[in-house]
Amino acid sequence: MYSNRRVFMKGLGGTCLGAAGSRYSRAFAQSASANSVPAPAESGIDHIVIVTMENRSFDHLLGWLPNANGIPNWLTYPDPSGARHLVYSLAPDYTGCSHPDPDHSYDGSRICYDGGTMQGFLLDTSNDVYCIGYYNASDIPFYAALAQTYTACDNWHAAILGPTFPNRMFIWAAQTDRLGDTFELSSLPTIFDALDAANISHRYYFNNVPYLALWGLKYVSSTALYANFLSDAATGNLPAVSFVDPRYTVLDDGTGNDDHPHADIRNGDAFLSQVYHALAAGPNWANTVLIVMFDEWGGFFEHVAPPRVVAPANSPDQDLVDGAALLGFRVPTVIASPFTKAIPGQPNPVDHALYDHTSALKLIEWRWGLPPLTARDSSGAIGNPATNFNFNSPDASVPALPMPHEVFARPCFSGLSGGLFDASNPASSGQQSRTQTQSATRQNEFAGLDKSTLVRDFVDHPHIQSLAKQSFK
């Protein structure tokens, strides 16, 4: 059993949401309510940039954050034998190579949810103790600094209790047409359709695999490469709305920087640092809002049960109660901008309002007067982050945040030796072989998408090929 209390308390920094956190919650709510929200066109926001990483939960990545609803003291989870295991610090293991990718499927996530008790993470027989591990601030120096310099959201949930592709559908369309990581063509209307109809500039920047290929070639002309994002940020040529994707983990070859297991999280930290510093050093920073979120929790532990909110019409989600669907588990979202910067001498701001991925769409819709896409982003139950922005005294000064560099990440290809469910554990006879079999047959979602004809046709399009040739000159 993992019971290193000293390491555990050091990871939390001695801070959980207790009396002090409750007092700060009230202070934050009071300051937010006192803050006047201007007319959208007079808000000072001209650019919204959304970066979506992969597969990490709030407790797993930001559970140590001061003033947030972080990891409770002595949080434990039962395994199938009934033994309880304390959550533990993963570092210096930054990849989890010796463990299976935690189960974050539609069905598996309901095992973890465990009827709302949130006690099922080790009861899912696809998992081992990797899923109840966490990282400390020192393991993600840039993102930890960003979360304490700007506003972290400790009640931002994935949009559906399901895996990557359904959640990324919500990010674009405020609904999903699938419950799994499947590759059929989508016809859902998206925020890009609404922006295009209103003649608002927009662009999707990708690294290695374009998620928008799931709409065929519909958005290819609105797509550019990550190298174009860096140059557009530097020259002041960013569109009004930008979506930026990391380099997806396609194989466990050490090249991904999206934080999807088994990517090295230090490379995800370096990627986010590069994005932030490109924006902050550019001429548009005073009028820019950067939202960094994770598409879903990746099967990692969470102690906060997600609520139910309205389901979009024609939702494939059958787990409905009076038309309300479960949100996914919390994800570690940070909003960095002059309007969300910490006030010197005051505690780091944490926004406790209820958000999901469609909150980013609500912010875009509010700023440019666009109609909501579905019942989800029109729902008053889901917040618009602008409500808690500091429009009275924005601070566009750029602090000296860490600038970590990428590290060489050795390929790991998911060796599964060791862990809780190994052959030496008599309480779990046969468990390792089942886990190995399940992990071997569970395909990485982006590996499958990368091999699809949708992606092949997308990246072979003359527009993308022209951008690629220019970037290699």
Protein backbone atom coordinates (compact mmCIF):
# COMPACT_ATOMS: atom_id res chain seq x y z
CA MET A 1 0.00 0.00 0.00
CA TYR A 2 1.29 3.47 -0.86
CA SER A 3 1.43 5.35 2.41
CA ASN A 4 4.29 7.83 2.21
CA ARG A 5 2.58 10.58 4.15
CA ARG A 6 5.58 12.94 4.07
CA VAL A 7 5.78 12.86 0.25
CA PHE A 8 2.01 13.11 0.02
CA MET A 9 1.79 16.21 2.22
CA LYS A 10 4.74 17.79 0.45
CA GLY A 11 2.92 17.28 -2.84
CA LEU A 12 -0.13 19.07 -1.49
CA GLY A 13 1.94 21.90 -0.12
CA GLY A 14 -0.14 21.52 3.05
CA THR A 15 -3.09 23.11 1.25
CA CYS A 16 -6.55 21.69 0.65
CA LEU A 17 -9.93 23.33 0.40
CA GLY A 18 -10.77 23.77 4.04
CA ALA A 19 -11.74 26.83 6.03
CA ALA A 20 -9.23 29.04 4.24
CA GLY A 21 -10.40 27.78 0.87
CA SER A 22 -14.01 28.45 1.81
CA ARG A 23 -13.17 32.00 2.87
CA TYR A 24 -11.39 32.59 -0.39
CA SER A 25 -14.34 31.15 -2.31
CA ARG A 26 -16.55 33.77 -0.72
CA ALA A 27 -14.03 36.53 -1.41
CA PHE A 28 -13.72 35.47 -5.02
CA ALA A 29 -17.48 35.40 -5.47
CA GLN A 30 -17.82 38.85 -3.90
CA SER A 31 -15.12 40.37 -6.11
CA ALA A 32 -16.63 38.73 -9.18
CA SER A 33 -20.12 40.01 -8.43
CA ALA A 34 -18.75 43.50 -7.84
CA ASN A 35 -16.90 43.43 -11.14
CA SER A 36 -18.81 45.10 -13.95
CA VAL A 37 -19.05 43.16 -17.20
CA PRO A 38 -18.90 45.58 -20.13
CA ALA A 39 -20.61 45.32 -23.46
CA PRO A 40 -18.76 42.60 -25.39
CA ALA A 41 -17.37 44.94 -28.05
CA GLU A 42 -15.99 47.20 -25.29
CA SER A 43 -14.49 44.37 -23.26
CA GLY A 44 -10.99 44.74 -24.66
CA ILE A 45 -11.00 41.11 -25.82
CA ASP A 46 -10.03 40.83 -29.47
CA HIS A 47 -8.45 37.37 -29.52
CA ILE A 48 -9.41 34.09 -27.86
CA VAL A 49 -6.96 31.19 -28.09
CA ILE A 50 -8.01 27.71 -26.97
CA VAL A 51 -5.38 25.02 -26.41
CA THR A 52 -6.62 21.54 -25.56
CA MET A 53 -4.27 18.99 -24.06
CA GLU A 54 -4.97 15.31 -23.39
CA ASN A 55 -6.17 13.05 -20.63
CA ARG A 56 -5.34 14.47 -17.20
CA SER A 57 -7.63 15.17 -14.25
CA PHE A 58 -7.60 18.16 -11.93
CA ASP A 59 -6.60 16.17 -8.85
CA HIS A 60 -3.88 14.38 -10.82
CA LEU A 61 -2.22 17.55 -12.14
CA LEU A 62 -3.34 20.50 -9.96
CA GLY A 63 -4.48 18.76 -6.78
CA TRP A 64 -1.78 20.65 -4.85
CA LEU A 65 -2.96 24.13 -5.94
CA PRO A 66 -3.50 26.61 -3.09
CA ASN A 67 -7.07 27.88 -2.62
CA ALA A 68 -8.46 25.16 -4.88
CA ASN A 69 -10.65 22.16 -4.11
CA GLY A 70 -7.64 19.87 -4.25
CA ILE A 71 -6.76 16.39 -3.02
CA PRO A 72 -8.29 15.67 0.40
CA ASN A 73 -5.94 14.46 3.11
CA TRP A 74 -5.48 10.70 3.19
CA LEU A 75 -7.48 10.05 0.03
CA THR A 76 -7.57 6.30 -0.62
CA TYR A 77 -9.20 3.97 -3.14
CA PRO A 78 -10.18 0.30 -2.78
CA ASP A 79 -8.90 -2.39 -5.13
CA PRO A 80 -11.00 -5.45 -6.07
CA SER A 81 -9.75 -7.33 -2.99
CA GLY A 82 -10.98 -4.57 -0.69
CA ALA A 83 -7.51 -3.28 0.24
CA ARG A 84 -7.27 0.51 0.18
CA HIS A 85 -4.43 2.44 -1.47
CA LEU A 86 -3.33 6.00 -0.76
CA VAL A 87 -2.87 8.37 -3.68
CA TYR A 88 0.82 8.96 -4.27
CA SER A 89 3.37 11.13 -6.07
CA LEU A 90 4.40 9.75 -9.47
CA ALA A 91 7.65 11.68 -9.99
CA PRO A 92 10.31 10.97 -11.04
CA ASP A 93 8.21 8.79 -13.34
CA TYR A 94 7.03 11.34 -15.92
CA THR A 95 5.63 8.86 -18.45
CA GLY A 96 3.99 5.92 -16.67
CA CYS A 97 5.54 3.57 -19.22
CA SER A 98 5.35 0.57 -16.91
CA HIS A 99 1.60 0.98 -16.47
CA PRO A 100 -1.44 0.63 -18.71
CA ASP A 101 -3.12 3.78 -19.98
CA PRO A 102 -5.95 4.30 -17.44
CA ASP A 103 -9.40 3.38 -18.69
CA HIS A 104 -11.37 6.45 -19.78
CA SER A 105 -13.94 4.79 -22.01
CA TYR A 106 -17.65 5.57 -21.75
CA ASP A 107 -18.32 2.34 -19.84
CA GLY A 108 -15.09 2.38 -17.85
CA SER A 109 -15.64 5.92 -16.61
CA ARG A 110 -18.92 4.80 -15.05
CA ILE A 111 -17.04 2.15 -13.09
CA CYS A 112 -14.82 4.92 -11.76
CA TYR A 113 -17.86 7.12 -11.05
CA ASP A 114 -19.23 4.26 -8.96
CA GLY A 115 -22.72 5.68 -8.60
CA GLY A 116 -21.33 9.06 -7.55
CA THR A 117 -19.05 7.76 -4.78
CA MET A 118 -15.98 8.32 -7.01
CA GLN A 119 -14.41 5.22 -5.49
CA GLY A 120 -14.16 2.97 -8.55
CA PHE A 121 -10.83 3.92 -10.11
CA LEU A 122 -9.07 0.76 -8.90
CA LEU A 123 -12.24 -1.31 -9.20
CA ASP A 124 -11.91 -0.93 -12.97
CA THR A 125 -9.88 -4.05 -13.72
CA SER A 126 -8.17 -2.33 -16.66
CA ASN A 127 -6.33 -0.07 -14.20
CA ASP A 128 -3.44 -0.32 -11.79
CA VAL A 129 -2.17 2.21 -9.22
CA TYR A 130 -0.95 4.58 -11.94
CA CYS A 131 -4.49 5.96 -12.10
CA ILE A 132 -4.31 7.18 -8.48
CA GLY A 133 -0.96 8.91 -8.87
CA TYR A 134 -0.48 12.67 -8.99
CA TYR A 135 2.14 15.24 -9.91
CA ASN A 136 3.48 18.12 -7.83
CA ALA A 137 4.09 21.73 -8.80
CA SER A 138 7.80 21.04 -9.21
CA ASP A 139 7.05 18.41 -11.87
CA ILE A 140 5.25 20.90 -14.16
CA PRO A 141 7.08 24.15 -13.40
CA PHE A 142 5.52 26.21 -16.18
CA TYR A 143 1.91 25.11 -15.78
CA ALA A 144 2.19 25.35 -12.01
CA ALA A 145 3.41 28.94 -12.34
CA LEU A 146 0.72 29.75 -14.89
CA ALA A 147 -1.99 28.39 -12.58
CA GLN A 148 -0.75 30.56 -9.71
CA THR A 149 -0.17 33.69 -11.79
CA TYR A 150 -3.48 33.66 -13.62
CA THR A 151 -6.87 32.07 -12.89
CA ALA A 152 -7.27 28.33 -12.49
CA CYS A 153 -10.73 26.80 -12.65
CA ASP A 154 -11.29 24.01 -10.12
CA ASN A 155 -14.83 23.18 -11.24
CA TRP A 156 -14.25 22.89 -14.99
CA HIS A 157 -15.51 19.50 -16.15
CA ALA A 158 -15.15 17.55 -19.35
CA ALA A 159 -18.38 17.91 -21.31
CA ILE A 160 -19.36 14.23 -21.24
CA LEU A 161 -18.43 11.25 -19.09
CA GLY A 162 -16.64 9.58 -21.95
CA PRO A 163 -13.37 9.48 -23.92
CA THR A 164 -11.43 11.89 -26.12
CA PHE A 165 -13.36 12.19 -29.36
CA PRO A 166 -16.81 12.82 -27.84
CA ASN A 167 -15.30 15.53 -25.64
CA ARG A 168 -13.45 17.15 -28.50
CA MET A 169 -16.72 17.12 -30.45
CA PHE A 170 -18.24 19.16 -27.61
CA ILE A 171 -15.34 21.62 -27.79
CA TRP A 172 -16.23 22.34 -31.41
CA ALA A 173 -19.96 21.69 -31.60
CA ALA A 174 -21.40 21.82 -28.04
CA GLN A 175 -22.60 18.25 -28.63
CA THR A 176 -21.30 14.92 -29.83
CA ASP A 177 -22.42 12.44 -32.45
CA ARG A 178 -20.49 9.52 -30.92
CA LEU A 179 -19.66 7.95 -27.57
CA GLY A 180 -16.33 6.40 -28.57
CA ASP A 181 -13.14 7.26 -30.42
CA THR A 182 -14.50 6.34 -33.83
CA PHE A 183 -13.56 7.76 -37.24
CA GLU A 184 -16.82 8.24 -39.10
CA LEU A 185 -17.41 11.58 -40.84
CA SER A 186 -19.20 14.18 -38.72
CA SER A 187 -21.85 16.59 -40.01
CA LEU A 188 -22.37 18.49 -36.75
CA PRO A 189 -22.38 22.30 -37.11
CA THR A 190 -19.47 23.88 -35.23
CA ILE A 191 -18.34 27.20 -33.81
CA PHE A 192 -16.40 27.74 -37.06
CA ASP A 193 -19.69 27.74 -38.98
CA ALA A 194 -21.08 30.40 -36.66
CA LEU A 195 -17.91 32.49 -36.91
CA ASP A 196 -17.85 32.18 -40.67
CA ALA A 197 -21.50 33.28 -40.94
CA ALA A 198 -20.69 36.36 -38.84
CA ASN A 199 -17.51 37.09 -40.82
CA ILE A 200 -15.32 36.69 -37.72
CA SER A 201 -11.79 35.50 -38.43
CA HIS A 202 -10.88 32.05 -37.11
CA ARG A 203 -8.19 29.42 -37.56
CA TYR A 204 -7.31 25.93 -36.44
CA TYR A 205 -3.59 25.24 -35.91
CA PHE A 206 -2.43 21.63 -35.69
CA ASN A 207 0.83 19.78 -35.22
CA ASN A 208 0.81 16.18 -36.47
CA VAL A 209 -2.81 14.97 -36.64
CA PRO A 210 -5.69 17.33 -37.61
CA TYR A 211 -8.74 16.52 -35.47
CA LEU A 212 -10.87 18.62 -37.84
CA ALA A 213 -10.35 15.93 -40.49
CA LEU A 214 -13.33 14.24 -38.84
CA TRP A 215 -15.39 16.80 -40.78
CA GLY A 216 -13.69 15.82 -44.02
CA LEU A 217 -12.30 18.76 -45.98
CA LYS A 218 -14.96 21.21 -44.77
CA TYR A 219 -12.54 23.27 -42.64
CA VAL A 220 -9.30 22.72 -44.50
CA SER A 221 -9.13 26.34 -45.69
CA SER A 222 -9.46 27.51 -42.07
CA THR A 223 -6.55 25.31 -40.98
CA ALA A 224 -2.85 26.11 -40.57
CA LEU A 225 0.21 24.52 -39.00
CA TYR A 226 1.54 25.13 -35.51
CA ALA A 227 4.53 26.91 -37.06
CA ASN A 228 2.03 29.36 -38.55
CA PHE A 229 0.58 29.97 -35.09
CA LEU A 230 3.99 30.96 -33.74
CA SER A 231 4.58 33.38 -36.60
CA ASP A 232 1.04 34.80 -36.45
CA ALA A 233 1.39 35.42 -32.71
CA ALA A 234 4.74 37.13 -33.20
CA THR A 235 3.56 39.38 -36.03
CA GLY A 236 0.15 40.29 -34.66
CA ASN A 237 -1.72 38.34 -37.33
CA LEU A 238 -3.77 36.09 -35.07
CA PRO A 239 -7.43 35.70 -36.01
CA ALA A 240 -10.17 36.57 -33.55
CA VAL A 241 -10.54 32.90 -32.55
CA SER A 242 -7.76 30.31 -32.60
CA PHE A 243 -7.79 26.65 -31.69
CA VAL A 244 -4.32 25.16 -31.16
CA ASP A 245 -3.56 21.45 -30.83
CA PRO A 246 -0.39 19.87 -29.42
CA ARG A 247 1.62 17.12 -31.06
CA TYR A 248 -0.59 14.13 -30.39
CA THR A 249 0.77 10.91 -28.95
CA VAL A 250 0.26 8.51 -31.85
CA LEU A 251 2.74 5.86 -30.69
CA ASP A 252 4.60 5.45 -27.41
CA ASP A 253 7.74 6.58 -29.21
CA GLY A 254 8.43 9.61 -27.01
CA THR A 255 7.45 12.22 -29.62
CA GLY A 256 4.07 13.38 -28.25
CA ASN A 257 3.76 16.57 -26.20
CA ASP A 258 0.00 16.41 -25.59
CA ASP A 259 0.24 14.80 -22.10
CA HIS A 260 -1.61 11.69 -23.31
CA PRO A 261 -0.06 8.66 -21.61
CA HIS A 262 2.62 7.70 -22.15
CA ALA A 263 3.93 11.09 -23.24
CA ASP A 264 6.49 12.72 -20.97
CA ILE A 265 4.61 15.46 -19.10
CA ARG A 266 7.72 17.64 -19.13
CA ASN A 267 7.31 17.98 -22.90
CA GLY A 268 3.69 18.99 -22.50
CA ASP A 269 4.84 21.63 -20.03
CA ALA A 270 7.41 22.90 -22.55
CA PHE A 271 4.77 23.07 -25.28
CA LEU A 272 2.39 25.12 -23.14
CA SER A 273 5.23 27.41 -22.17
CA GLN A 274 6.03 28.02 -25.83
CA VAL A 275 2.39 28.82 -26.61
CA TYR A 276 2.06 31.25 -23.72
CA HIS A 277 5.34 33.04 -24.33
CA ALA A 278 4.58 33.38 -28.05
CA LEU A 279 1.31 35.12 -27.17
CA ALA A 280 2.66 37.18 -24.28
CA ALA A 281 5.61 38.45 -26.34
CA GLY A 282 3.40 39.34 -29.30
CA PRO A 283 1.67 42.66 -29.96
CA ASN A 284 -1.83 41.31 -29.23
CA TRP A 285 -1.35 40.17 -25.64
CA ALA A 286 -3.22 43.09 -24.03
CA ASN A 287 -6.37 41.95 -25.86
CA THR A 288 -5.92 38.16 -25.73
CA VAL A 289 -7.49 35.41 -23.63
CA LEU A 290 -5.67 32.06 -23.56
CA ILE A 291 -7.67 29.08 -22.30
CA VAL A 292 -5.68 25.91 -21.60
CA MET A 293 -7.85 22.88 -20.94
CA PHE A 294 -7.65 19.10 -21.18
CA ASP A 295 -10.17 17.21 -23.27
CA GLU A 296 -10.91 14.68 -20.51
CA TRP A 297 -9.46 13.25 -17.31
CA GLY A 298 -7.74 10.25 -18.90
CA GLY A 299 -8.92 7.78 -16.26
CA PHE A 300 -6.94 9.49 -13.48
CA PHE A 301 -8.50 9.83 -10.04
CA GLU A 302 -10.88 12.59 -9.04
CA HIS A 303 -12.67 13.12 -5.74
CA VAL A 304 -15.37 15.49 -7.05
CA ALA A 305 -18.45 13.84 -8.54
CA PRO A 306 -19.65 15.51 -11.74
CA PRO A 307 -23.15 17.01 -11.80
CA ARG A 308 -25.87 16.45 -14.37
CA VAL A 309 -26.72 19.21 -16.82
CA VAL A 310 -28.94 19.48 -19.87
CA ALA A 311 -28.12 17.12 -22.73
CA PRO A 312 -28.16 18.50 -26.28
CA ALA A 313 -31.02 17.33 -28.48
CA ASN A 314 -30.49 13.96 -30.18
CA SER A 315 -27.61 13.10 -27.87
CA PRO A 316 -26.29 9.53 -28.24
CA ASP A 317 -25.73 9.50 -24.48
CA GLN A 318 -28.35 7.16 -23.02
CA ASP A 319 -27.38 7.81 -19.40
CA LEU A 320 -29.96 10.56 -18.93
CA VAL A 321 -32.10 11.54 -15.95
CA ASP A 322 -34.96 13.87 -16.90
CA GLY A 323 -33.00 14.95 -19.96
CA ALA A 324 -29.82 15.67 -18.00
CA ALA A 325 -26.48 13.98 -18.72
CA LEU A 326 -23.45 13.54 -16.50
CA LEU A 327 -20.59 15.89 -17.14
CA GLY A 328 -17.16 14.30 -17.21
CA PHE A 329 -14.69 14.49 -14.36
CA ARG A 330 -12.81 17.73 -13.66
CA VAL A 331 -9.90 18.77 -15.86
CA PRO A 332 -7.07 21.21 -14.94
CA THR A 333 -8.08 24.37 -16.82
CA VAL A 334 -6.22 27.68 -16.58
CA ILE A 335 -7.30 30.98 -18.17
CA ALA A 336 -4.33 33.28 -18.78
CA SER A 337 -4.99 36.85 -19.84
CA PRO A 338 -4.69 40.44 -18.65
CA PHE A 339 -8.26 39.99 -17.34
CA THR A 340 -7.47 36.95 -15.18
CA LYS A 341 -4.09 37.86 -13.72
CA ALA A 342 -3.50 37.58 -10.00
CA ILE A 343 -3.52 40.88 -8.11
CA PRO A 344 -0.17 41.49 -6.38
CA GLY A 345 -0.37 40.79 -2.68
CA GLN A 346 -3.56 38.75 -2.95
CA PRO A 347 -4.00 34.97 -3.08
CA ASN A 348 -3.77 33.29 -6.45
CA PRO A 349 -7.24 33.42 -8.02
CA VAL A 350 -9.22 30.21 -8.37
CA ASP A 351 -12.59 30.32 -10.12
CA HIS A 352 -15.04 27.87 -8.52
CA ALA A 353 -17.93 28.39 -10.96
CA LEU A 354 -19.30 25.37 -12.83
CA TYR A 355 -17.86 25.14 -16.33
CA ASP A 356 -17.55 22.55 -19.04
CA HIS A 357 -15.90 22.69 -22.46
CA THR A 358 -18.85 24.60 -23.90
CA SER A 359 -17.94 27.47 -21.55
CA ALA A 360 -15.17 28.35 -23.99
CA LEU A 361 -17.83 28.46 -26.71
CA LYS A 362 -20.05 30.63 -24.49
CA LEU A 363 -17.19 33.11 -24.13
CA ILE A 364 -16.72 33.25 -27.91
CA GLU A 365 -20.47 33.57 -28.49
CA TRP A 366 -20.77 36.33 -25.90
CA ARG A 367 -17.86 38.32 -27.31
CA TRP A 368 -19.02 38.26 -30.93
CA GLY A 369 -22.77 38.05 -30.48
CA LEU A 370 -23.19 34.54 -31.87
CA PRO A 371 -26.20 32.32 -31.18
CA PRO A 372 -25.63 29.21 -29.06
CA LEU A 373 -25.06 25.98 -30.93
CA THR A 374 -27.11 23.67 -28.69
CA ALA A 375 -29.06 23.50 -25.45
CA ARG A 376 -25.78 22.92 -23.61
CA ASP A 377 -24.01 26.17 -24.42
CA SER A 378 -27.27 28.09 -24.05
CA SER A 379 -27.85 26.64 -20.57
CA GLY A 380 -27.56 28.97 -17.62
CA ALA A 381 -26.21 26.09 -15.53
CA ILE A 382 -22.91 26.26 -17.42
CA GLY A 383 -20.93 29.39 -16.75
CA ASN A 384 -19.38 31.97 -19.06
CA PRO A 385 -15.87 32.73 -17.74
CA ALA A 386 -16.24 36.41 -18.69
CA THR A 387 -18.52 36.82 -15.69
CA ASN A 388 -15.49 36.53 -13.43
CA PHE A 389 -12.97 38.46 -15.52
CA ASN A 390 -11.39 41.61 -14.14
CA PHE A 391 -12.45 44.15 -16.75
CA ASN A 392 -12.03 47.08 -14.36
CA SER A 393 -8.25 46.89 -14.10
CA PRO A 394 -6.71 44.38 -16.53
CA ASP A 395 -2.98 43.81 -16.17
CA ALA A 396 -1.12 43.14 -19.43
CA SER A 397 2.32 43.05 -17.81
CA VAL A 398 4.19 39.82 -18.54
CA PRO A 399 5.68 38.03 -15.54
CA ALA A 400 8.85 35.99 -15.71
CA LEU A 401 7.41 32.49 -15.93
CA PRO A 402 9.52 29.36 -16.44
CA MET A 403 10.56 28.41 -19.97
CA PRO A 404 11.32 24.68 -19.78
CA HIS A 405 12.75 22.97 -22.84
CA GLU A 406 11.65 19.63 -24.25
CA VAL A 407 13.48 16.61 -22.92
CA PHE A 408 14.48 13.49 -24.76
CA ALA A 409 11.73 10.99 -23.99
CA ARG A 410 12.73 7.39 -24.55
CA PRO A 411 10.18 5.24 -26.38
CA CYS A 412 8.36 3.07 -23.88
CA PHE A 413 5.77 1.03 -25.81
CA SER A 414 3.85 0.27 -22.60
CA GLY A 415 5.79 -2.38 -20.73
CA LEU A 416 3.53 -3.52 -17.91
CA SER A 417 5.90 -5.05 -15.38
CA GLY A 418 5.32 -4.24 -11.74
CA GLY A 419 2.42 -2.19 -10.42
CA LEU A 420 -0.31 -3.20 -8.04
CA PHE A 421 -1.65 -6.15 -9.98
CA ASP A 422 1.50 -8.18 -10.57
CA ALA A 423 2.00 -11.90 -10.13
CA SER A 424 3.54 -11.43 -6.69
CA ASN A 425 0.30 -10.01 -5.33
CA PRO A 426 -1.77 -13.02 -4.17
CA ALA A 427 -4.92 -10.90 -3.92
CA SER A 428 -4.90 -10.29 -7.66
CA SER A 429 -4.08 -13.62 -9.25
CA GLY A 430 -4.51 -13.42 -13.02
CA GLN A 431 -5.12 -9.65 -12.90
CA GLN A 432 -1.90 -8.69 -14.67
CA SER A 433 -2.52 -10.95 -17.64
CA ARG A 434 -6.03 -9.52 -18.08
CA THR A 435 -4.68 -5.98 -17.87
CA GLN A 436 -1.94 -6.73 -20.38
CA THR A 437 -4.44 -8.23 -22.81
CA GLN A 438 -6.83 -5.28 -22.50
CA SER A 439 -4.04 -2.74 -22.89
CA ALA A 440 -2.63 -4.53 -25.92
CA THR A 441 -6.00 -4.46 -27.68
CA ARG A 442 -6.92 -0.88 -26.71
CA GLN A 443 -5.90 1.28 -29.65
CA ASN A 444 -4.64 4.79 -29.12
CA GLU A 445 -7.35 7.00 -30.59
CA PHE A 446 -4.98 9.24 -32.52
CA ALA A 447 -3.07 6.30 -33.95
CA GLY A 448 -6.29 5.15 -35.54
CA LEU A 449 -7.26 8.62 -36.73
CA ASP A 450 -3.79 9.20 -38.13
CA LYS A 451 -4.15 6.09 -40.32
CA SER A 452 -7.62 7.04 -41.56
CA THR A 453 -8.40 8.17 -45.10
CA LEU A 454 -9.93 11.31 -43.58
CA VAL A 455 -6.56 12.46 -42.26
CA ARG A 456 -4.69 11.31 -45.34
CA ASP A 457 -6.97 13.32 -47.62
CA PHE A 458 -6.78 16.32 -45.29
CA VAL A 459 -3.00 16.53 -45.07
CA ASP A 460 -2.64 15.82 -48.80
CA HIS A 461 -4.85 18.79 -49.67
CA PRO A 462 -2.96 21.46 -51.67
CA HIS A 463 -3.60 24.08 -48.98
CA ILE A 464 -1.92 21.99 -46.27
CA GLN A 465 0.86 20.89 -48.59
CA SER A 466 1.59 24.51 -49.48
CA LEU A 467 1.83 25.46 -45.80
CA ALA A 468 4.12 22.51 -45.14
CA LYS A 469 6.47 23.49 -47.97
CA GLN A 470 6.65 27.07 -46.71
CA SER A 471 7.42 25.96 -43.17
CA PHE A 472 10.34 23.83 -44.34
CA LYS A 473 11.98 26.54 -46.44
